[in-house]
Amino acid sequence: MNGARLVTECLKAQGVTTVFGYPGGAIMPVYDALYDSGIEHFLCRNEQGAAIEAIGYARARGNDTVGVCIATSGPGATNLITGLGDALMDSIPVVAITGQVGSGLIGTDAFQEADVLGLSLACTKHSFIVRNIDELPDVFAKAFQIAKSGRPGPVLIDIPKDVQFAETRLQPVVWEKLNPAPANAQNLKSAVELLKVSKRPIVYVGGGVGMAHAVPALRRFLEIGRIPSVSTLKGLGAVLPSDPYYMGMIGMHGTKAANYATQEADLLIVLGARFDDRVTGKLESFATNAKVIHADIDAAEISKLRQADIALQGDLNQTLEALTLALDIQPWREDVLRLKRDFDFTYQENQGEGEINPNWLLHTLSRRKAENAVIVTDVGQHQMWAAQHMRHFAPENFITSAGFGTMGFGLPAAIGAQKARPADDVILVTGDGSIMMNIQELGAMKSGRVPVKILLLDNQRLGMVRQWQSLFFHGRHSATVLDDNPDFVTLASAFGIAGERIEKAGDVSAALDRLLNAEGAYFLHVCIHEDENVWPLVPPGACNTDMIEEMS
């Protein structure tokens, strides 16, 4: 067989059944091999869409599934870069395969040539260029191993066209995922002793818990210890919303209970999180009275921003098992319950001819959707409202661009999630600014008959930027007015997607029923007021207790 056929055989050896991509000249031999390979190819409408679809696929499936995307050389490959950056920031296992001009043309400014290896170094965990057909099986084996092992992430394989045509008798090889080593035994013992003497511990849950498949271990740890907990944006779903001592999201748009309690803690048990600036606010003021037990697979994250008193680098499941014990902290539990009673979000039914309140809308949707439905968001105000006002039951059921904050993420990620989970509802919560970034993927939805349910919150603004302009830039709304939006329902109908537009609170209930009960894709366009804001908000550079809840 030739190198292109060997590529498809390597993918099948890795258990790959679906890839996302867009063909072009330098990757044409691989596309010829895909034609009768038995691998499903999903045709995106832009290579950025392909990379993000691969992310959505990997995140919704979990269980070490690697998302695979394919693009041609030059502009095809460069269009992948944003998706690869997103995957790197959120630790998502993705393998990107790009075609490259023939080996003899590399460096000559040939048609559609780009230094993809060089371009990708800053946004991948590792990158390869296959110089010889003999390298190809080991490169694929190593790429998938790297993508899945340790802290997961994206890997790029660049394959010159002549390597794709080269004849070979080689066969695929598979290298097993490298399992994490256990944390240092003495450090674990010290962590247990510190936990025993703590009076106000807080478990700070990050996205690494889900990536480590440690959700059952975390829930057992919390149930037996009855320890209060908070979550990052990417950690949502790891703790059950019914846990009485769970306070929700922490940070810039976190709950008041989560932010206040964390500031009062005497111990932070940090699990798969990295002290991101959107979580900590002003770092020097963050939980200043707390000691830190930091558990993470990536040694580079431990003590990078906040010095850890005890470092637990290694297998998170083993770490949680060692830390699981009953604690005598009843006064602290009562303090946390009081904070929740005083500061939890409350909802009043939105009725009649009034404007639609997005908090109440998403709260209502959350209680009507199936528990195993996948919620995907874009980036902006709607993202924060979905994090605050919807219940999340598993990390793989809440998919958002957390670290990179990629506008345009939602639609392709929802498509990828639906391909991964065809039996489950996938609901995209998006905004009028974000959806336009990758609106062309409605074409991929149509051709692939992908039944994603789309809920568009439209305030004719770049809402989050507009809110910050109102708060911190004297109300000078520069380039954030989107009053020239298209008729989204008509646009959706052009792609064969049914939908409707609503403007009044009294129309919400029936419209949500139609969205959730639609047999195929559905587009619900919801008009909200241009001045709706996300509250609470910790101003940039402020302490997390300095939350504001209204315009000054």
Protein backbone atom coordinates (compact mmCIF):
# COMPACT_ATOMS: atom_id res chain seq x y z
CA MET A 1 0.00 0.00 0.00
CA ASN A 2 1.02 3.64 -0.22
CA GLY A 3 1.60 6.10 2.62
CA ALA A 4 -1.91 7.53 2.38
CA ARG A 5 -3.46 4.09 2.85
CA LEU A 6 -1.08 3.49 5.75
CA VAL A 7 -2.42 6.71 7.35
CA THR A 8 -5.96 5.31 7.31
CA GLU A 9 -4.75 1.94 8.62
CA CYS A 10 -2.93 3.71 11.47
CA LEU A 11 -6.12 5.60 12.33
CA LYS A 12 -8.14 2.38 12.40
CA ALA A 13 -5.49 0.71 14.56
CA GLN A 14 -6.01 3.55 17.06
CA GLY A 15 -9.76 2.89 17.12
CA VAL A 16 -10.64 6.01 15.12
CA THR A 17 -14.03 5.75 13.43
CA THR A 18 -14.79 9.41 12.60
CA VAL A 19 -12.58 12.23 11.36
CA PHE A 20 -13.40 15.87 10.62
CA GLY A 21 -11.84 17.72 7.75
CA TYR A 22 -11.74 19.49 4.40
CA PRO A 23 -9.83 18.24 1.34
CA GLY A 24 -7.23 20.02 -0.76
CA GLY A 25 -4.32 19.40 -3.07
CA ALA A 26 -1.59 18.39 -0.62
CA ILE A 27 -3.82 16.01 1.35
CA MET A 28 -5.61 14.53 -1.68
CA PRO A 29 -3.91 11.11 -1.51
CA VAL A 30 -5.18 10.65 2.08
CA TYR A 31 -8.68 11.64 0.98
CA ASP A 32 -8.49 9.06 -1.80
CA ALA A 33 -7.57 6.46 0.81
CA LEU A 34 -10.41 7.60 3.09
CA TYR A 35 -12.94 6.99 0.30
CA ASP A 36 -13.21 3.26 0.95
CA SER A 37 -11.38 3.00 4.28
CA GLY A 38 -14.43 2.39 6.46
CA ILE A 39 -13.66 5.57 8.43
CA GLU A 40 -16.46 8.13 8.47
CA HIS A 41 -15.33 11.50 7.19
CA PHE A 42 -17.38 14.52 8.33
CA LEU A 43 -17.06 17.42 5.92
CA CYS A 44 -16.76 20.74 7.72
CA ARG A 45 -17.08 24.08 5.93
CA ASN A 46 -13.88 25.63 7.31
CA GLU A 47 -10.84 23.92 8.77
CA GLN A 48 -11.23 25.85 12.03
CA GLY A 49 -14.61 24.15 12.24
CA ALA A 50 -12.92 20.77 11.73
CA ALA A 51 -10.48 21.31 14.61
CA ILE A 52 -13.24 22.44 16.98
CA GLU A 53 -15.54 19.62 15.86
CA ALA A 54 -12.73 17.23 16.82
CA ILE A 55 -12.56 18.93 20.24
CA GLY A 56 -16.32 18.60 20.76
CA TYR A 57 -16.15 14.95 19.72
CA ALA A 58 -13.32 14.15 22.14
CA ARG A 59 -14.89 16.04 25.04
CA ALA A 60 -18.36 14.57 24.67
CA ARG A 61 -17.08 11.02 24.29
CA GLY A 62 -14.41 11.11 27.01
CA ASN A 63 -12.70 7.81 27.90
CA ASP A 64 -9.43 8.87 26.23
CA THR A 65 -11.13 9.39 22.86
CA VAL A 66 -8.87 11.38 20.56
CA GLY A 67 -10.52 13.80 18.15
CA VAL A 68 -9.00 13.74 14.66
CA CYS A 69 -9.04 16.55 12.10
CA ILE A 70 -7.52 16.69 8.63
CA ALA A 71 -6.57 19.64 6.41
CA THR A 72 -4.48 20.43 3.39
CA SER A 73 -1.30 22.50 3.39
CA GLY A 74 -0.95 26.28 3.63
CA PRO A 75 -4.25 28.02 4.44
CA GLY A 76 -5.96 24.74 5.24
CA ALA A 77 -3.37 23.99 7.91
CA THR A 78 -3.25 27.54 9.27
CA ASN A 79 -7.03 27.52 9.69
CA LEU A 80 -6.55 24.71 12.23
CA ILE A 81 -4.34 26.84 14.48
CA THR A 82 -7.11 28.44 16.59
CA GLY A 83 -8.67 25.06 17.30
CA LEU A 84 -5.31 23.60 18.27
CA GLY A 85 -4.70 26.54 20.61
CA ASP A 86 -8.09 25.91 22.20
CA ALA A 87 -7.29 22.21 22.66
CA LEU A 88 -3.93 23.02 24.23
CA MET A 89 -5.40 25.46 26.76
CA ASP A 90 -8.18 23.07 27.79
CA SER A 91 -6.06 19.90 27.64
CA ILE A 92 -8.05 18.09 24.95
CA PRO A 93 -6.57 15.07 23.11
CA VAL A 94 -6.63 15.92 19.39
CA VAL A 95 -4.51 14.69 16.50
CA ALA A 96 -4.38 17.02 13.48
CA ILE A 97 -3.16 15.62 10.16
CA THR A 98 -2.03 18.11 7.54
CA GLY A 99 -0.82 17.64 4.01
CA GLN A 100 2.41 19.34 2.99
CA VAL A 101 3.98 20.14 -0.36
CA GLY A 102 6.41 17.55 -1.69
CA SER A 103 9.65 17.15 0.25
CA GLY A 104 11.69 18.60 -2.61
CA LEU A 105 9.59 21.76 -2.63
CA ILE A 106 9.72 22.51 1.10
CA GLY A 107 11.35 25.88 1.66
CA THR A 108 10.82 27.09 -1.94
CA ASP A 109 7.62 29.08 -1.32
CA ALA A 110 5.70 26.51 -3.33
CA PHE A 111 1.98 26.88 -3.95
CA GLN A 112 0.09 26.57 -0.66
CA GLU A 113 3.27 26.00 1.33
CA ALA A 114 3.51 27.08 4.97
CA ASP A 115 5.85 26.14 7.77
CA VAL A 116 3.12 24.32 9.64
CA LEU A 117 5.57 22.67 12.00
CA GLY A 118 6.93 26.05 13.07
CA LEU A 119 3.49 27.65 13.26
CA SER A 120 2.11 24.86 15.40
CA LEU A 121 4.84 24.70 18.04
CA ALA A 122 3.16 27.29 20.25
CA CYS A 123 -0.28 25.66 20.13
CA THR A 124 0.41 21.93 20.32
CA LYS A 125 1.78 19.51 22.85
CA HIS A 126 4.03 18.09 20.13
CA SER A 127 4.38 18.38 16.35
CA PHE A 128 5.86 16.04 13.73
CA ILE A 129 6.79 16.27 10.08
CA VAL A 130 7.13 12.86 8.42
CA ARG A 131 10.28 13.00 6.31
CA ASN A 132 10.25 9.37 5.20
CA ILE A 133 7.58 6.71 4.77
CA ASP A 134 9.50 4.46 7.20
CA GLU A 135 8.79 6.94 10.03
CA LEU A 136 5.04 7.02 9.55
CA PRO A 137 3.84 4.09 11.77
CA ASP A 138 5.94 5.17 14.75
CA VAL A 139 4.96 8.83 14.33
CA PHE A 140 1.27 7.95 14.46
CA ALA A 141 1.74 5.65 17.44
CA LYS A 142 3.70 8.29 19.32
CA ALA A 143 1.27 11.07 18.37
CA PHE A 144 -1.74 9.28 19.84
CA GLN A 145 0.24 8.25 22.91
CA ILE A 146 1.34 11.85 23.54
CA ALA A 147 -2.18 13.22 22.96
CA LYS A 148 -3.67 10.89 25.60
CA SER A 149 -0.89 10.54 28.17
CA GLY A 150 -0.15 12.79 31.13
CA ARG A 151 -1.84 16.14 30.61
CA PRO A 152 -3.74 15.55 27.35
CA GLY A 153 -3.35 17.90 24.42
CA PRO A 154 -3.19 18.36 20.66
CA VAL A 155 -0.54 16.83 18.41
CA LEU A 156 0.06 17.71 14.76
CA ILE A 157 1.39 15.39 12.03
CA ASP A 158 2.50 17.13 8.81
CA ILE A 159 2.90 14.73 5.86
CA PRO A 160 4.52 15.78 2.57
CA LYS A 161 2.66 14.69 -0.53
CA ASP A 162 5.45 12.41 -1.78
CA VAL A 163 5.37 10.49 1.53
CA GLN A 164 1.64 9.94 1.00
CA PHE A 165 2.36 8.44 -2.45
CA ALA A 166 5.37 6.36 -1.37
CA GLU A 167 4.94 2.56 -1.48
CA THR A 168 5.44 0.56 1.70
CA ARG A 169 4.99 -2.86 3.30
CA LEU A 170 4.94 -1.39 6.79
CA GLN A 171 1.98 -1.98 9.10
CA PRO A 172 0.52 0.21 11.87
CA VAL A 173 1.83 0.02 15.40
CA VAL A 174 0.07 1.13 18.59
CA TRP A 175 1.78 2.40 21.70
CA GLU A 176 -0.19 2.21 24.90
CA LYS A 177 -1.18 5.27 26.90
CA LEU A 178 1.34 5.99 29.65
CA ASN A 179 -0.39 5.72 33.00
CA PRO A 180 0.44 8.40 35.57
CA ALA A 181 2.73 7.49 38.43
CA PRO A 182 1.31 7.70 41.96
CA ALA A 183 1.91 10.83 43.96
CA ASN A 184 4.80 10.87 46.42
CA ALA A 185 3.85 8.69 49.41
CA GLN A 186 5.32 11.05 52.01
CA ASN A 187 3.55 14.02 50.46
CA LEU A 188 0.28 12.09 50.52
CA LYS A 189 0.78 11.31 54.19
CA SER A 190 1.48 14.99 54.91
CA ALA A 191 -1.63 16.00 52.95
CA VAL A 192 -3.78 13.66 55.03
CA GLU A 193 -2.39 15.14 58.26
CA LEU A 194 -3.00 18.69 57.02
CA LEU A 195 -6.56 17.79 56.02
CA LYS A 196 -7.23 16.29 59.45
CA VAL A 197 -6.32 19.47 61.31
CA SER A 198 -8.06 21.84 58.92
CA LYS A 199 -11.19 23.58 60.20
CA ARG A 200 -12.31 25.36 57.00
CA PRO A 201 -11.23 23.30 53.97
CA ILE A 202 -12.44 24.01 50.44
CA VAL A 203 -12.11 21.62 47.50
CA TYR A 204 -11.24 23.64 44.39
CA VAL A 205 -12.25 21.46 41.41
CA GLY A 206 -10.75 22.03 37.96
CA GLY A 207 -11.11 20.49 34.54
CA GLY A 208 -8.34 18.00 35.26
CA VAL A 209 -10.73 15.93 37.37
CA GLY A 210 -12.79 14.98 34.34
CA MET A 211 -9.72 14.48 32.15
CA ALA A 212 -8.32 12.06 34.76
CA HIS A 213 -11.61 10.09 34.83
CA ALA A 214 -11.63 10.87 38.54
CA VAL A 215 -15.24 12.06 38.91
CA PRO A 216 -16.41 8.94 40.86
CA ALA A 217 -13.38 9.23 43.17
CA LEU A 218 -14.05 12.93 43.70
CA ARG A 219 -17.71 12.36 44.54
CA ARG A 220 -16.84 9.64 47.03
CA PHE A 221 -14.21 11.92 48.61
CA LEU A 222 -16.77 14.71 48.99
CA GLU A 223 -19.52 12.42 50.24
CA ILE A 224 -17.43 10.84 52.98
CA GLY A 225 -15.62 14.02 54.00
CA ARG A 226 -18.69 16.23 53.52
CA ILE A 227 -16.26 18.94 52.44
CA PRO A 228 -17.44 22.20 50.86
CA SER A 229 -16.43 22.57 47.22
CA VAL A 230 -16.27 25.09 44.39
CA SER A 231 -15.60 24.63 40.68
CA THR A 232 -13.84 26.36 37.81
CA LEU A 233 -15.68 26.87 34.53
CA LYS A 234 -14.14 23.74 33.02
CA GLY A 235 -14.66 21.79 36.23
CA LEU A 236 -18.46 22.20 36.11
CA GLY A 237 -20.26 18.87 36.21
CA ALA A 238 -17.64 17.05 38.29
CA VAL A 239 -19.55 17.77 41.52
CA LEU A 240 -23.23 16.88 41.53
CA PRO A 241 -25.45 19.97 41.84
CA SER A 242 -27.36 18.17 44.61
CA ASP A 243 -24.29 18.07 46.87
CA PRO A 244 -25.41 20.23 49.83
CA TYR A 245 -21.95 21.74 50.32
CA TYR A 246 -21.27 22.53 46.67
CA MET A 247 -21.32 26.27 46.04
CA GLY A 248 -20.95 26.43 42.27
CA MET A 249 -18.48 28.31 40.15
CA ILE A 250 -15.73 30.44 41.64
CA GLY A 251 -14.08 33.57 40.28
CA MET A 252 -14.94 36.57 38.14
CA HIS A 253 -18.53 35.45 37.51
CA GLY A 254 -18.69 32.92 40.30
CA THR A 255 -21.36 32.69 42.96
CA LYS A 256 -21.12 34.93 45.98
CA ALA A 257 -21.16 31.90 48.29
CA ALA A 258 -18.21 30.32 46.43
CA ASN A 259 -16.13 33.48 46.45
CA TYR A 260 -16.86 34.42 50.06
CA ALA A 261 -16.29 30.92 51.40
CA THR A 262 -13.01 30.47 49.54
CA GLN A 263 -11.69 33.69 51.03
CA GLU A 264 -12.46 32.34 54.51
CA ALA A 265 -10.84 28.92 53.94
CA ASP A 266 -7.83 27.71 55.89
CA LEU A 267 -7.03 24.96 53.35
CA LEU A 268 -7.46 24.71 49.58
CA ILE A 269 -7.45 21.21 48.09
CA VAL A 270 -6.78 22.08 44.45
CA LEU A 271 -7.61 19.26 42.05
CA GLY A 272 -6.63 19.55 38.39
CA ALA A 273 -6.77 23.36 38.35
CA ARG A 274 -4.17 26.04 37.69
CA PHE A 275 -5.03 29.23 39.63
CA ASP A 276 -6.25 30.94 36.46
CA ASP A 277 -6.62 34.71 36.72
CA ARG A 278 -10.37 34.51 36.04
CA VAL A 279 -10.64 32.25 39.10
CA THR A 280 -8.39 34.01 41.59
CA GLY A 281 -8.99 37.69 40.86
CA LYS A 282 -6.04 39.59 42.31
CA LEU A 283 -3.74 36.66 43.05
CA GLU A 284 -2.08 38.28 46.08
CA SER A 285 -5.49 38.59 47.75
CA PHE A 286 -6.79 35.11 46.93
CA ALA A 287 -7.52 32.91 49.97
CA THR A 288 -4.62 34.46 51.85
CA ASN A 289 -5.22 32.48 55.06
CA ALA A 290 -5.31 29.10 53.31
CA LYS A 291 -2.61 26.49 53.00
CA VAL A 292 -2.55 24.72 49.62
CA ILE A 293 -2.58 21.05 48.69
CA HIS A 294 -2.17 21.06 44.90
CA ALA A 295 -2.88 17.82 43.01
CA ASP A 296 -2.18 17.85 39.26
CA ILE A 297 -0.79 15.61 36.55
CA ASP A 298 1.35 18.47 35.22
CA ALA A 299 4.26 19.29 37.49
CA ALA A 300 4.70 22.63 35.69
CA GLU A 301 1.35 23.85 37.06
CA ILE A 302 2.16 23.14 40.70
CA SER A 303 3.49 26.28 42.43
CA LYS A 304 3.52 28.15 39.10
CA LEU A 305 1.24 30.91 40.40
CA ARG A 306 0.53 30.00 44.04
CA GLN A 307 3.11 28.22 46.13
CA ALA A 308 1.86 24.79 47.17
CA ASP A 309 2.42 23.72 50.76
CA ILE A 310 2.08 20.12 49.59
CA ALA A 311 2.53 19.02 45.96
CA LEU A 312 0.76 15.88 44.76
CA GLN A 313 1.87 15.33 41.19
CA GLY A 314 0.54 12.09 39.75
CA ASP A 315 -2.50 9.82 39.57
CA LEU A 316 -5.52 11.82 40.76
CA ASN A 317 -7.66 8.75 41.43
CA GLN A 318 -5.03 7.33 43.75
CA THR A 319 -4.57 10.73 45.40
CA LEU A 320 -8.30 11.12 46.09
CA GLU A 321 -8.53 7.61 47.49
CA ALA A 322 -5.71 8.40 49.94
CA LEU A 323 -7.35 11.68 51.00
CA THR A 324 -10.82 10.22 51.55
CA LEU A 325 -11.71 10.39 55.24
CA ALA A 326 -14.42 11.73 57.53
CA LEU A 327 -13.75 15.20 58.93
CA ASP A 328 -14.90 17.04 62.05
CA ILE A 329 -15.78 20.39 60.49
CA GLN A 330 -19.47 20.81 61.31
CA PRO A 331 -19.29 24.55 62.18
CA TRP A 332 -17.72 25.20 58.76
CA ARG A 333 -20.41 23.20 57.01
CA GLU A 334 -23.05 25.28 58.75
CA ASP A 335 -21.29 28.49 57.68
CA VAL A 336 -21.33 27.28 54.07
CA LEU A 337 -25.03 26.38 54.24
CA ARG A 338 -25.74 29.86 55.60
CA LEU A 339 -23.80 31.48 52.74
CA LYS A 340 -25.77 29.42 50.25
CA ARG A 341 -29.08 30.39 51.84
CA ASP A 342 -28.12 34.05 51.84
CA PHE A 343 -26.62 34.29 48.37
CA ASP A 344 -27.90 31.53 46.06
CA PHE A 345 -29.53 32.71 42.83
CA THR A 346 -33.31 33.05 43.00
CA TYR A 347 -35.71 32.97 40.09
CA GLN A 348 -39.07 34.52 39.48
CA GLU A 349 -41.13 33.23 36.59
CA ASN A 350 -40.96 35.50 33.58
CA GLN A 351 -44.47 35.89 32.11
CA GLY A 352 -46.67 37.85 29.75
CA GLU A 353 -45.59 40.62 27.43
CA GLY A 354 -42.40 41.47 29.34
CA GLU A 355 -38.85 41.05 28.10
CA ILE A 356 -37.17 37.67 28.39
CA ASN A 357 -34.80 37.30 31.33
CA PRO A 358 -31.87 35.10 30.22
CA ASN A 359 -31.15 33.82 33.74
CA TRP A 360 -34.69 32.54 34.14
CA LEU A 361 -34.74 31.19 30.58
CA LEU A 362 -31.63 29.05 31.08
CA HIS A 363 -32.74 28.00 34.56
CA THR A 364 -36.01 26.80 33.01
CA LEU A 365 -34.26 25.02 30.14
CA SER A 366 -31.94 23.30 32.61
CA ARG A 367 -34.86 21.75 34.47
CA ARG A 368 -36.62 20.58 31.32
CA LYS A 369 -33.70 19.04 29.45
CA ALA A 370 -32.68 15.43 29.95
CA GLU A 371 -30.01 14.97 32.62
CA ASN A 372 -27.67 13.36 30.09
CA ALA A 373 -28.12 16.14 27.51
CA VAL A 374 -24.93 17.86 26.38
CA ILE A 375 -24.84 21.64 26.80
CA VAL A 376 -22.35 23.39 24.52
CA THR A 377 -21.72 27.13 24.67
CA ASP A 378 -19.94 29.76 22.71
CA VAL A 379 -18.06 32.54 24.53
CA GLY A 380 -19.58 35.62 26.09
CA GLN A 381 -22.45 36.56 28.39
CA HIS A 382 -24.54 33.54 27.40
CA GLN A 383 -21.59 31.30 28.39
CA MET A 384 -21.50 32.74 31.91
CA TRP A 385 -25.31 32.59 32.25
CA ALA A 386 -25.21 28.92 31.23
CA ALA A 387 -22.46 28.26 33.79
CA GLN A 388 -24.34 30.08 36.56
CA HIS A 389 -27.96 29.14 35.97
CA MET A 390 -27.89 25.62 34.52
CA ARG A 391 -27.28 22.39 36.41
CA HIS A 392 -24.39 20.27 35.14
CA PHE A 393 -24.18 16.58 35.96
CA ALA A 394 -20.95 15.45 34.26
CA PRO A 395 -17.90 17.22 32.77
CA GLU A 396 -18.57 15.67 29.37
CA ASN A 397 -22.08 17.18 29.43
CA PHE A 398 -20.87 20.80 29.61
CA ILE A 399 -18.56 21.78 26.77
CA THR A 400 -17.23 25.32 26.52
CA SER A 401 -14.04 27.10 25.51
CA ALA A 402 -12.67 27.85 28.96
CA GLY A 403 -8.98 28.73 28.75
CA PHE A 404 -8.82 30.17 25.23
CA GLY A 405 -12.26 31.79 25.14
CA THR A 406 -12.76 31.10 21.44
CA MET A 407 -15.71 32.90 19.90
CA GLY A 408 -17.15 30.67 17.19
CA PHE A 409 -16.41 27.57 19.29
CA GLY A 410 -19.99 26.60 20.00
CA LEU A 411 -21.50 25.51 16.68
CA PRO A 412 -18.69 23.23 15.51
CA ALA A 413 -18.15 21.87 19.04
CA ALA A 414 -21.86 21.01 19.25
CA ILE A 415 -21.65 19.22 15.89
CA GLY A 416 -18.67 17.21 17.12
CA ALA A 417 -20.46 16.39 20.38
CA GLN A 418 -23.56 15.22 18.51
CA LYS A 419 -21.44 12.95 16.30
CA ALA A 420 -19.90 11.48 19.44
CA ARG A 421 -23.23 11.04 21.23
CA PRO A 422 -25.94 10.49 18.58
CA ALA A 423 -28.42 9.10 21.13
CA ASP A 424 -28.26 12.16 23.42
CA ASP A 425 -29.63 15.66 22.96
CA VAL A 426 -27.00 18.28 22.21
CA ILE A 427 -28.09 21.85 22.93
CA LEU A 428 -26.00 24.80 21.80
CA VAL A 429 -26.38 27.98 23.85
CA THR A 430 -24.88 30.78 21.77
CA GLY A 431 -24.93 34.53 21.18
CA ASP A 432 -25.40 36.64 18.09
CA GLY A 433 -21.74 37.67 18.08
CA SER A 434 -20.27 34.20 18.53
CA ILE A 435 -22.48 32.25 16.14
CA MET A 436 -21.50 34.46 13.21
CA MET A 437 -17.85 33.46 13.68
CA ASN A 438 -18.47 29.94 12.30
CA ILE A 439 -21.99 30.24 10.90
CA GLN A 440 -20.89 28.34 7.79
CA GLU A 441 -20.99 25.13 9.84
CA LEU A 442 -24.78 25.19 9.45
CA GLY A 443 -23.91 23.75 6.06
CA ALA A 444 -22.08 20.89 7.76
CA MET A 445 -25.11 20.33 10.00
CA LYS A 446 -27.34 20.12 6.94
CA SER A 447 -25.18 17.76 4.90
CA GLY A 448 -24.44 15.59 7.93
CA ARG A 449 -28.07 15.64 9.15
CA VAL A 450 -26.86 16.57 12.63
CA PRO A 451 -29.82 17.29 14.98
CA VAL A 452 -28.23 19.91 17.22
CA LYS A 453 -30.73 22.15 19.06
CA ILE A 454 -29.59 25.80 18.86
CA LEU A 455 -30.66 28.41 21.42
CA LEU A 456 -29.49 31.84 20.29
CA LEU A 457 -29.60 34.71 22.80
CA ASP A 458 -29.62 37.85 20.68
CA ASN A 459 -29.05 41.30 22.21
CA GLN A 460 -27.62 42.78 18.99
CA ARG A 461 -24.41 43.44 20.87
CA LEU A 462 -21.06 41.89 21.64
CA GLY A 463 -22.56 41.60 25.09
CA MET A 464 -19.59 40.91 27.34
CA VAL A 465 -17.41 43.52 25.69
CA ARG A 466 -20.31 45.99 25.78
CA GLN A 467 -20.76 45.31 29.52
CA TRP A 468 -17.10 46.01 30.19
CA GLN A 469 -17.25 49.15 28.07
CA SER A 470 -20.18 50.33 30.17
CA LEU A 471 -18.36 49.56 33.42
CA PHE A 472 -14.74 50.43 32.69
CA PHE A 473 -14.63 52.57 29.52
CA HIS A 474 -17.15 55.31 30.38
CA GLY A 475 -19.92 53.74 28.28
CA ARG A 476 -18.03 54.28 25.02
CA HIS A 477 -19.46 51.35 23.03
CA SER A 478 -16.82 51.04 20.36
CA ALA A 479 -17.51 48.39 17.68
CA THR A 480 -19.90 46.34 19.83
CA VAL A 481 -23.25 47.19 18.22
CA LEU A 482 -24.59 44.38 16.01
CA ASP A 483 -27.89 45.87 14.91
CA ASP A 484 -27.23 44.66 11.36
CA ASN A 485 -27.59 40.97 12.28
CA PRO A 486 -29.26 38.79 9.67
CA ASP A 487 -32.68 37.21 10.11
CA PHE A 488 -31.34 34.13 11.84
CA VAL A 489 -34.47 32.01 11.44
CA THR A 490 -34.52 32.66 7.69
CA LEU A 491 -30.80 31.91 7.55
CA ALA A 492 -31.33 28.61 9.38
CA SER A 493 -34.20 27.71 7.06
CA ALA A 494 -31.87 28.16 4.08
CA PHE A 495 -29.94 25.20 5.52
CA GLY A 496 -33.11 23.17 6.07
CA ILE A 497 -33.24 23.84 9.81
CA ALA A 498 -36.64 24.59 11.36
CA GLY A 499 -36.89 27.41 13.86
CA GLU A 500 -38.69 30.39 15.33
CA ARG A 501 -38.07 33.80 16.89
CA ILE A 502 -39.50 34.89 20.24
CA GLU A 503 -39.43 38.28 21.94
CA LYS A 504 -41.86 38.01 24.90
CA ALA A 505 -41.54 36.15 28.18
CA GLY A 506 -44.91 34.52 27.72
CA ASP A 507 -43.66 32.73 24.60
CA VAL A 508 -40.72 31.01 26.30
CA SER A 509 -42.37 27.90 27.74
CA ALA A 510 -43.98 26.65 24.54
CA ALA A 511 -40.91 27.54 22.48
CA LEU A 512 -38.63 25.52 24.77
CA ASP A 513 -40.98 22.56 24.39
CA ARG A 514 -40.72 22.80 20.60
CA LEU A 515 -36.93 23.07 20.82
CA LEU A 516 -36.56 20.04 23.07
CA ASN A 517 -39.13 17.90 21.28
CA ALA A 518 -37.95 18.57 17.73
CA GLU A 519 -37.00 15.37 15.93
CA GLY A 520 -34.18 17.05 14.03
CA ALA A 521 -32.19 20.25 14.32
CA TYR A 522 -34.01 23.31 15.63
CA PHE A 523 -33.10 27.00 15.86
CA LEU A 524 -34.70 29.05 18.63
CA HIS A 525 -33.88 32.75 18.23
CA VAL A 526 -34.49 34.54 21.55
CA CYS A 527 -34.41 38.33 21.65
CA ILE A 528 -33.18 39.86 24.92
CA HIS A 529 -32.55 43.43 25.98
CA GLU A 530 -29.29 45.01 24.85
CA ASP A 531 -28.42 46.04 28.42
CA GLU A 532 -28.68 42.61 30.06
CA ASN A 533 -25.57 41.97 32.17
CA VAL A 534 -23.82 39.10 33.91
CA TRP A 535 -23.78 39.47 37.70
CA PRO A 536 -21.96 39.19 39.98
CA LEU A 537 -18.70 40.40 38.48
CA VAL A 538 -15.29 40.76 40.07
CA PRO A 539 -13.59 43.73 38.37
CA PRO A 540 -10.20 42.93 36.82
CA GLY A 541 -7.43 43.25 39.38
CA ALA A 542 -9.83 43.18 42.34
CA CYS A 543 -10.19 40.75 45.22
CA ASN A 544 -12.88 38.10 44.76
CA THR A 545 -14.90 39.52 47.64
CA ASP A 546 -15.21 42.86 45.81
CA MET A 547 -18.04 41.68 43.58
CA ILE A 548 -20.34 44.19 41.93
CA GLU A 549 -23.95 43.53 40.95
CA GLU A 550 -25.11 46.65 39.21
CA MET A 551 -23.93 49.52 37.06
CA SER A 552 -22.57 52.45 39.05
